Structures are given as C-alpha cells and as structure tokens.
Amino acid sequence: MNRIDDSPEWSPEGLGIAIRMQHGDFGRESRPPVYLRVAAVLLSVTTLAILLGVAGWYAWRSLARRNAQEAATPDTPGVIARG
C-alpha cells in the first residue's frame, strides 16, 4: 500500500490536507476560536445551573408540602384539630 505522499491519485488540495493530518498540524488549524469555546462552556454552565435550580425548587416545594401535611395531622388519635 502506498503512503499518502507517494500516491498519484491525490489532488493537490487533498494531498495538502492529508499531509497536515499526518503531521498533526490539522488539529490545530481546525480548532474553533476561543470565543466560541468560552460561549459553549458558559451556555453549558448556565443550562446546568437552571436545571439544578428547577430541581431544587421542586424538591423544596415537595418537602414544604410534606411538612405542612404532617403538621395538619394530629399526633394523638381521637383529637380533633382546631381551626
């Protein structure tokens, strides 16, 4: 099997890309800009914070309702709650 450098069927553009990929230069050139990576991280962190906030609110509401129901039930059987 021929190496990419020796193969006659590669076009000049394809050969250039293949050589850059062989030498490890392709990854550095195709990396997205810094501001896009920072924006992606900020969006991910914001989304995670919103999801955790909503989950925490639902958990707090559930606990508050459970505590309210326990407070409304009498501790001693046969006692009628006032109010």
PDB file of N, CA and C in Angstrom:
ATOM      1  N   MET A   1       0.845  -1.179   0.000  1.00  0.00           N
ATOM      2  CA  MET A   1       0.000   0.000   0.000  1.00  0.00           C
ATOM      3  C   MET A   1       0.886   1.237   0.000  1.00  0.00           C
ATOM      4  N   ASN A   2       0.573   2.184  -0.832  1.00  0.00           N
ATOM      5  CA  ASN A   2       1.366   3.411  -0.929  1.00  0.00           C
ATOM      6  C   ASN A   2       1.083   4.332   0.245  1.00  0.00           C
ATOM      7  N   ARG A   3       2.092   5.085   0.599  1.00  0.00           N
ATOM      8  CA  ARG A   3       1.876   6.152   1.569  1.00  0.00           C
ATOM      9  C   ARG A   3       1.097   7.263   0.886  1.00  0.00           C
ATOM     10  N   ILE A   4       0.482   8.103   1.655  1.00  0.00           N
ATOM     11  CA  ILE A   4      -0.306   9.197   1.073  1.00  0.00           C
ATOM     12  C   ILE A   4       0.587  10.101   0.238  1.00  0.00           C
ATOM     13  N   ASP A   5       1.818  10.335   0.685  1.00  0.00           N
ATOM     14  CA  ASP A   5       2.726  11.235  -0.037  1.00  0.00           C
ATOM     15  C   ASP A   5       3.082  10.692  -1.416  1.00  0.00           C
ATOM     16  N   ASP A   6       3.123   9.361  -1.578  1.00  0.00           N
ATOM     17  CA  ASP A   6       3.554   8.752  -2.836  1.00  0.00           C
ATOM     18  C   ASP A   6       2.407   8.455  -3.790  1.00  0.00           C
ATOM     19  N   SER A   7       1.167   8.589  -3.342  1.00  0.00           N
ATOM     20  CA  SER A   7       0.028   8.181  -4.153  1.00  0.00           C
ATOM     21  C   SER A   7      -0.264   9.212  -5.245  1.00  0.00           C
ATOM     22  N   PRO A   8      -0.360   8.794  -6.530  1.00  0.00           N
ATOM     23  CA  PRO A   8      -0.593   9.745  -7.621  1.00  0.00           C
ATOM     24  C   PRO A   8      -2.049  10.181  -7.745  1.00  0.00           C
ATOM     25  N   GLU A   9      -3.000   9.496  -7.087  1.00  0.00           N
ATOM     26  CA  GLU A   9      -4.407   9.841  -7.293  1.00  0.00           C
ATOM     27  C   GLU A   9      -4.912  10.967  -6.394  1.00  0.00           C
ATOM     28  N   TRP A  10      -4.059  11.497  -5.533  1.00  0.00           N
ATOM     29  CA  TRP A  10      -4.486  12.588  -4.664  1.00  0.00           C
ATOM     30  C   TRP A  10      -4.407  13.912  -5.407  1.00  0.00           C
ATOM     31  N   SER A  11      -5.451  14.747  -5.237  1.00  0.00           N
ATOM     32  CA  SER A  11      -5.405  16.099  -5.798  1.00  0.00           C
ATOM     33  C   SER A  11      -4.503  16.955  -4.913  1.00  0.00           C
ATOM     34  N   PRO A  12      -4.022  18.085  -5.421  1.00  0.00           N
ATOM     35  CA  PRO A  12      -3.134  18.925  -4.594  1.00  0.00           C
ATOM     36  C   PRO A  12      -3.789  19.382  -3.290  1.00  0.00           C
ATOM     37  N   GLU A  13      -5.095  19.731  -3.325  1.00  0.00           N
ATOM     38  CA  GLU A  13      -5.746  20.174  -2.084  1.00  0.00           C
ATOM     39  C   GLU A  13      -5.883  19.016  -1.099  1.00  0.00           C
ATOM     40  N   GLY A  14      -6.326  17.876  -1.614  1.00  0.00           N
ATOM     41  CA  GLY A  14      -6.477  16.708  -0.754  1.00  0.00           C
ATOM     42  C   GLY A  14      -5.152  16.230  -0.208  1.00  0.00           C
ATOM     43  N   LEU A  15      -4.123  16.315  -1.024  1.00  0.00           N
ATOM     44  CA  LEU A  15      -2.794  15.910  -0.575  1.00  0.00           C
ATOM     45  C   LEU A  15      -2.306  16.825   0.538  1.00  0.00           C
ATOM     46  N   GLY A  16      -2.562  18.134   0.399  1.00  0.00           N
ATOM     47  CA  GLY A  16      -2.146  19.072   1.448  1.00  0.00           C
ATOM     48  C   GLY A  16      -2.836  18.791   2.765  1.00  0.00           C
ATOM     49  N   ILE A  17      -4.132  18.519   2.701  1.00  0.00           N
ATOM     50  CA  ILE A  17      -4.874  18.207   3.926  1.00  0.00           C
ATOM     51  C   ILE A  17      -4.378  16.896   4.522  1.00  0.00           C
ATOM     52  N   ALA A  18      -4.147  15.901   3.672  1.00  0.00           N
ATOM     53  CA  ALA A  18      -3.681  14.606   4.169  1.00  0.00           C
ATOM     54  C   ALA A  18      -2.311  14.725   4.820  1.00  0.00           C
ATOM     55  N   ILE A  19      -1.425  15.521   4.230  1.00  0.00           N
ATOM     56  CA  ILE A  19      -0.088  15.695   4.816  1.00  0.00           C
ATOM     57  C   ILE A  19      -0.200  16.400   6.160  1.00  0.00           C
ATOM     58  N   ARG A  20      -1.043  17.430   6.239  1.00  0.00           N
ATOM     59  CA  ARG A  20      -1.218  18.123   7.519  1.00  0.00           C
ATOM     60  C   ARG A  20      -1.797  17.177   8.565  1.00  0.00           C
ATOM     61  N   MET A  21      -2.706  16.298   8.154  1.00  0.00           N
ATOM     62  CA  MET A  21      -3.270  15.334   9.099  1.00  0.00           C
ATOM     63  C   MET A  21      -2.200  14.351   9.562  1.00  0.00           C
ATOM     64  N   GLN A  22      -1.315  13.936   8.661  1.00  0.00           N
ATOM     65  CA  GLN A  22      -0.250  13.006   9.035  1.00  0.00           C
ATOM     66  C   GLN A  22       0.702  13.632  10.041  1.00  0.00           C
ATOM     67  N   HIS A  23       0.993  14.899   9.873  1.00  0.00           N
ATOM     68  CA  HIS A  23       1.992  15.554  10.719  1.00  0.00           C
ATOM     69  C   HIS A  23       1.382  16.195  11.956  1.00  0.00           C
ATOM     70  N   GLY A  24       0.074  16.050  12.151  1.00  0.00           N
ATOM     71  CA  GLY A  24      -0.546  16.572  13.359  1.00  0.00           C
ATOM     72  C   GLY A  24      -0.850  18.045  13.322  1.00  0.00           C
ATOM     73  N   ASP A  25      -0.744  18.687  12.168  1.00  0.00           N
ATOM     74  CA  ASP A  25      -0.991  20.118  12.082  1.00  0.00           C
ATOM     75  C   ASP A  25      -2.466  20.416  11.846  1.00  0.00           C
ATOM     76  N   PHE A  26      -3.213  19.422  11.413  1.00  0.00           N
ATOM     77  CA  PHE A  26      -4.609  19.651  11.035  1.00  0.00           C
ATOM     78  C   PHE A  26      -5.469  19.975  12.253  1.00  0.00           C
ATOM     79  N   GLY A  27      -5.202  19.347  13.386  1.00  0.00           N
ATOM     80  CA  GLY A  27      -5.996  19.571  14.584  1.00  0.00           C
ATOM     81  C   GLY A  27      -5.887  20.982  15.108  1.00  0.00           C
ATOM     82  N   ARG A  28      -4.729  21.576  15.011  1.00  0.00           N
ATOM     83  CA  ARG A  28      -4.553  22.937  15.497  1.00  0.00           C
ATOM     84  C   ARG A  28      -5.246  23.945  14.596  1.00  0.00           C
ATOM     85  N   GLU A  29      -5.278  23.680  13.300  1.00  0.00           N
ATOM     86  CA  GLU A  29      -5.881  24.637  12.384  1.00  0.00           C
ATOM     87  C   GLU A  29      -7.401  24.557  12.385  1.00  0.00           C
ATOM     88  N   SER A  30      -7.968  23.409  12.691  1.00  0.00           N
ATOM     89  CA  SER A  30      -9.414  23.264  12.616  1.00  0.00           C
ATOM     90  C   SER A  30     -10.099  23.488  13.965  1.00  0.00           C
ATOM     91  N   ARG A  31      -9.370  23.857  14.993  1.00  0.00           N
ATOM     92  CA  ARG A  31      -9.957  24.100  16.308  1.00  0.00           C
ATOM     93  C   ARG A  31     -10.814  25.366  16.253  1.00  0.00           C
ATOM     94  N   PRO A  32     -12.005  25.340  16.888  1.00  0.00           N
ATOM     95  CA  PRO A  32     -12.844  26.543  16.864  1.00  0.00           C
ATOM     96  C   PRO A  32     -12.197  27.679  17.647  1.00  0.00           C
ATOM     97  N   PRO A  33     -12.578  28.904  17.338  1.00  0.00           N
ATOM     98  CA  PRO A  33     -11.989  30.056  18.036  1.00  0.00           C
ATOM     99  C   PRO A  33     -12.288  30.023  19.539  1.00  0.00           C
ATOM    100  N   VAL A  34     -11.473  30.755  20.274  1.00  0.00           N
ATOM    101  CA  VAL A  34     -11.574  30.746  21.735  1.00  0.00           C
ATOM    102  C   VAL A  34     -12.940  31.250  22.184  1.00  0.00           C
ATOM    103  N   TYR A  35     -13.445  32.305  21.548  1.00  0.00           N
ATOM    104  CA  TYR A  35     -14.713  32.872  21.998  1.00  0.00           C
ATOM    105  C   TYR A  35     -15.866  31.883  21.821  1.00  0.00           C
ATOM    106  N   LEU A  36     -15.791  31.013  20.814  1.00  0.00           N
ATOM    107  CA  LEU A  36     -16.839  30.003  20.653  1.00  0.00           C
ATOM    108  C   LEU A  36     -16.749  28.938  21.741  1.00  0.00           C
ATOM    109  N   ARG A  37     -15.530  28.563  22.102  1.00  0.00           N
ATOM    110  CA  ARG A  37     -15.373  27.579  23.174  1.00  0.00           C
ATOM    111  C   ARG A  37     -15.833  28.151  24.507  1.00  0.00           C
ATOM    112  N   VAL A  38     -15.497  29.429  24.771  1.00  0.00           N
ATOM    113  CA  VAL A  38     -15.931  30.072  26.014  1.00  0.00           C
ATOM    114  C   VAL A  38     -17.451  30.186  26.039  1.00  0.00           C
ATOM    115  N   ALA A  39     -18.049  30.555  24.908  1.00  0.00           N
ATOM    116  CA  ALA A  39     -19.509  30.660  24.836  1.00  0.00           C
ATOM    117  C   ALA A  39     -20.167  29.307  25.080  1.00  0.00           C
ATOM    118  N   ALA A  40     -19.591  28.241  24.555  1.00  0.00           N
ATOM    119  CA  ALA A  40     -20.152  26.904  24.764  1.00  0.00           C
ATOM    120  C   ALA A  40     -20.078  26.503  26.235  1.00  0.00           C
ATOM    121  N   VAL A  41     -18.965  26.815  26.884  1.00  0.00           N
ATOM    122  CA  VAL A  41     -18.822  26.485  28.308  1.00  0.00           C
ATOM    123  C   VAL A  41     -19.815  27.289  29.139  1.00  0.00           C
ATOM    124  N   LEU A  42     -19.955  28.585  28.844  1.00  0.00           N
ATOM    125  CA  LEU A  42     -20.899  29.418  29.591  1.00  0.00           C
ATOM    126  C   LEU A  42     -22.339  28.941  29.392  1.00  0.00           C
ATOM    127  N   LEU A  43     -22.675  28.567  28.176  1.00  0.00           N
ATOM    128  CA  LEU A  43     -24.019  28.062  27.911  1.00  0.00           C
ATOM    129  C   LEU A  43     -24.273  26.757  28.661  1.00  0.00           C
ATOM    130  N   SER A  44     -23.285  25.883  28.692  1.00  0.00           N
ATOM    131  CA  SER A  44     -23.432  24.614  29.412  1.00  0.00           C
ATOM    132  C   SER A  44     -23.596  24.843  30.912  1.00  0.00           C
ATOM    133  N   VAL A  45     -22.785  25.728  31.470  1.00  0.00           N
ATOM    134  CA  VAL A  45     -22.856  26.001  32.908  1.00  0.00           C
ATOM    135  C   VAL A  45     -24.190  26.655  33.255  1.00  0.00           C
ATOM    136  N   THR A  46     -24.640  27.589  32.423  1.00  0.00           N
ATOM    137  CA  THR A  46     -25.920  28.253  32.669  1.00  0.00           C
ATOM    138  C   THR A  46     -27.073  27.263  32.603  1.00  0.00           C
ATOM    139  N   THR A  47     -27.058  26.398  31.612  1.00  0.00           N
ATOM    140  CA  THR A  47     -28.119  25.395  31.483  1.00  0.00           C
ATOM    141  C   THR A  47     -28.127  24.456  32.683  1.00  0.00           C
ATOM    142  N   LEU A  48     -26.958  24.022  33.115  1.00  0.00           N
ATOM    143  CA  LEU A  48     -26.872  23.142  34.277  1.00  0.00           C
ATOM    144  C   LEU A  48     -27.382  23.848  35.532  1.00  0.00           C
ATOM    145  N   ALA A  49     -27.029  25.121  35.709  1.00  0.00           N
ATOM    146  CA  ALA A  49     -27.488  25.871  36.878  1.00  0.00           C
ATOM    147  C   ALA A  49     -29.008  26.021  36.875  1.00  0.00           C
ATOM    148  N   ILE A  50     -29.590  26.280  35.712  1.00  0.00           N
ATOM    149  CA  ILE A  50     -31.047  26.408  35.624  1.00  0.00           C
ATOM    150  C   ILE A  50     -31.720  25.080  35.960  1.00  0.00           C
ATOM    151  N   LEU A  51     -31.206  23.990  35.406  1.00  0.00           N
ATOM    152  CA  LEU A  51     -31.795  22.678  35.688  1.00  0.00           C
ATOM    153  C   LEU A  51     -31.689  22.314  37.170  1.00  0.00           C
ATOM    154  N   LEU A  52     -30.543  22.594  37.779  1.00  0.00           N
ATOM    155  CA  LEU A  52     -30.389  22.311  39.206  1.00  0.00           C
ATOM    156  C   LEU A  52     -31.296  23.201  40.045  1.00  0.00           C
ATOM    157  N   GLY A  53     -31.460  24.455  39.633  1.00  0.00           N
ATOM    158  CA  GLY A  53     -32.360  25.361  40.344  1.00  0.00           C
ATOM    159  C   GLY A  53     -33.802  24.894  40.290  1.00  0.00           C
ATOM    160  N   VAL A  54     -34.252  24.467  39.126  1.00  0.00           N
ATOM    161  CA  VAL A  54     -35.625  23.969  38.985  1.00  0.00           C
ATOM    162  C   VAL A  54     -35.814  22.695  39.805  1.00  0.00           C
ATOM    163  N   ALA A  55     -34.851  21.788  39.746  1.00  0.00           N
ATOM    164  CA  ALA A  55     -34.949  20.553  40.527  1.00  0.00           C
ATOM    165  C   ALA A  55     -34.953  20.860  42.025  1.00  0.00           C
ATOM    166  N   GLY A  56     -34.135  21.795  42.460  1.00  0.00           N
ATOM    167  CA  GLY A  56     -34.105  22.184  43.866  1.00  0.00           C
ATOM    168  C   GLY A  56     -35.408  22.821  44.310  1.00  0.00           C
ATOM    169  N   TRP A  57     -35.998  23.638  43.442  1.00  0.00           N
ATOM    170  CA  TRP A  57     -37.268  24.273  43.776  1.00  0.00           C
ATOM    171  C   TRP A  57     -38.364  23.222  43.940  1.00  0.00           C
ATOM    172  N   TYR A  58     -38.410  22.250  43.023  1.00  0.00           N
ATOM    173  CA  TYR A  58     -39.409  21.184  43.143  1.00  0.00           C
ATOM    174  C   TYR A  58     -39.189  20.364  44.416  1.00  0.00           C
ATOM    175  N   ALA A  59     -37.947  20.075  44.747  1.00  0.00           N
ATOM    176  CA  ALA A  59     -37.661  19.312  45.965  1.00  0.00           C
ATOM    177  C   ALA A  59     -38.072  20.108  47.201  1.00  0.00           C
ATOM    178  N   TRP A  60     -37.766  21.413  47.224  1.00  0.00           N
ATOM    179  CA  TRP A  60     -38.132  22.257  48.361  1.00  0.00           C
ATOM    180  C   TRP A  60     -39.647  22.331  48.506  1.00  0.00           C
ATOM    181  N   ARG A  61     -40.354  22.469  47.382  1.00  0.00           N
ATOM    182  CA  ARG A  61     -41.814  22.551  47.416  1.00  0.00           C
ATOM    183  C   ARG A  61     -42.415  21.237  47.925  1.00  0.00           C
ATOM    184  N   SER A  62     -41.852  20.120  47.488  1.00  0.00           N
ATOM    185  CA  SER A  62     -42.339  18.821  47.936  1.00  0.00           C
ATOM    186  C   SER A  62     -42.130  18.649  49.437  1.00  0.00           C
ATOM    187  N   LEU A  63     -40.957  19.044  49.920  1.00  0.00           N
ATOM    188  CA  LEU A  63     -40.697  18.945  51.360  1.00  0.00           C
ATOM    189  C   LEU A  63     -41.600  19.882  52.151  1.00  0.00           C
ATOM    190  N   ALA A  64     -41.848  21.073  51.637  1.00  0.00           N
ATOM    191  CA  ALA A  64     -42.715  22.024  52.335  1.00  0.00           C
ATOM    192  C   ALA A  64     -44.141  21.485  52.414  1.00  0.00           C
ATOM    193  N   ARG A  65     -44.620  20.875  51.342  1.00  0.00           N
ATOM    194  CA  ARG A  65     -45.969  20.294  51.370  1.00  0.00           C
ATOM    195  C   ARG A  65     -46.040  19.118  52.342  1.00  0.00           C
ATOM    196  N   ARG A  66     -44.998  18.291  52.342  1.00  0.00           N
ATOM    197  CA  ARG A  66     -44.990  17.142  53.245  1.00  0.00           C
ATOM    198  C   ARG A  66     -44.994  17.614  54.700  1.00  0.00           C
ATOM    199  N   ASN A  67     -44.195  18.627  55.012  1.00  0.00           N
ATOM    200  CA  ASN A  67     -44.158  19.152  56.379  1.00  0.00           C
ATOM    201  C   ASN A  67     -45.490  19.786  56.750  1.00  0.00           C
ATOM    202  N   ALA A  68     -46.151  20.443  55.803  1.00  0.00           N
ATOM    203  CA  ALA A  68     -47.452  21.050  56.080  1.00  0.00           C
ATOM    204  C   ALA A  68     -48.500  19.974  56.338  1.00  0.00           C
ATOM    205  N   GLN A  69     -48.450  18.880  55.614  1.00  0.00           N
ATOM    206  CA  GLN A  69     -49.404  17.789  55.838  1.00  0.00           C
ATOM    207  C   GLN A  69     -49.156  17.117  57.185  1.00  0.00           C
ATOM    208  N   GLU A  70     -47.894  16.955  57.559  1.00  0.00           N
ATOM    209  CA  GLU A  70     -47.588  16.341  58.854  1.00  0.00           C
ATOM    210  C   GLU A  70     -48.029  17.242  59.995  1.00  0.00           C
ATOM    211  N   ALA A  71     -47.918  18.548  59.821  1.00  0.00           N
ATOM    212  CA  ALA A  71     -48.339  19.474  60.867  1.00  0.00           C
ATOM    213  C   ALA A  71     -49.860  19.496  60.989  1.00  0.00           C
ATOM    214  N   ALA A  72     -50.581  19.211  59.910  1.00  0.00           N
ATOM    215  CA  ALA A  72     -52.043  19.241  59.940  1.00  0.00           C
ATOM    216  C   ALA A  72     -52.632  17.976  60.546  1.00  0.00           C
ATOM    217  N   THR A  73     -51.888  16.885  60.583  1.00  0.00           N
ATOM    218  CA  THR A  73     -52.419  15.642  61.159  1.00  0.00           C
ATOM    219  C   THR A  73     -52.175  15.639  62.664  1.00  0.00           C
ATOM    220  N   PRO A  74     -53.167  15.233  63.433  1.00  0.00           N
ATOM    221  CA  PRO A  74     -52.985  15.224  64.896  1.00  0.00           C
ATOM    222  C   PRO A  74     -52.021  14.117  65.331  1.00  0.00           C
ATOM    223  N   ASP A  75     -51.262  14.403  66.375  1.00  0.00           N
ATOM    224  CA  ASP A  75     -50.320  13.416  66.896  1.00  0.00           C
ATOM    225  C   ASP A  75     -51.034  12.342  67.718  1.00  0.00           C
ATOM    226  N   THR A  76     -52.085  12.737  68.418  1.00  0.00           N
ATOM    227  CA  THR A  76     -52.807  11.810  69.291  1.00  0.00           C
ATOM    228  C   THR A  76     -54.092  11.368  68.595  1.00  0.00           C
ATOM    229  N   PRO A  77     -54.335  10.075  68.517  1.00  0.00           N
ATOM    230  CA  PRO A  77     -55.576   9.615  67.881  1.00  0.00           C
ATOM    231  C   PRO A  77     -56.806  10.085  68.662  1.00  0.00           C
ATOM    232  N   GLY A  78     -57.835  10.475  67.952  1.00  0.00           N
ATOM    233  CA  GLY A  78     -59.071  10.907  68.592  1.00  0.00           C
ATOM    234  C   GLY A  78     -59.115  12.389  68.894  1.00  0.00           C
ATOM    235  N   VAL A  79     -58.048  13.115  68.683  1.00  0.00           N
ATOM    236  CA  VAL A  79     -58.033  14.552  68.953  1.00  0.00           C
ATOM    237  C   VAL A  79     -58.443  15.276  67.681  1.00  0.00           C
ATOM    238  N   ILE A  80     -59.369  16.207  67.829  1.00  0.00           N
ATOM    239  CA  ILE A  80     -59.835  16.979  66.678  1.00  0.00           C
ATOM    240  C   ILE A  80     -58.996  18.250  66.588  1.00  0.00           C
ATOM    241  N   ALA A  81     -58.442  18.489  65.429  1.00  0.00           N
ATOM    242  CA  ALA A  81     -57.614  19.686  65.244  1.00  0.00           C
ATOM    243  C   ALA A  81     -58.503  20.918  65.193  1.00  0.00           C
ATOM    244  N   ARG A  82     -58.058  21.995  65.816  1.00  0.00           N
ATOM    245  CA  ARG A  82     -58.813  23.254  65.800  1.00  0.00           C
ATOM    246  C   ARG A  82     -58.421  24.057  64.571  1.00  0.00           C
ATOM    247  N   GLY A  83     -59.368  24.860  64.146  1.00  0.00           N
ATOM    248  CA  GLY A  83     -59.037  25.788  63.078  1.00  0.00           C
ATOM    249  C   GLY A  83     -59.747  25.597  61.853  1.00  0.00           C
TER     250      GLY A  83
END
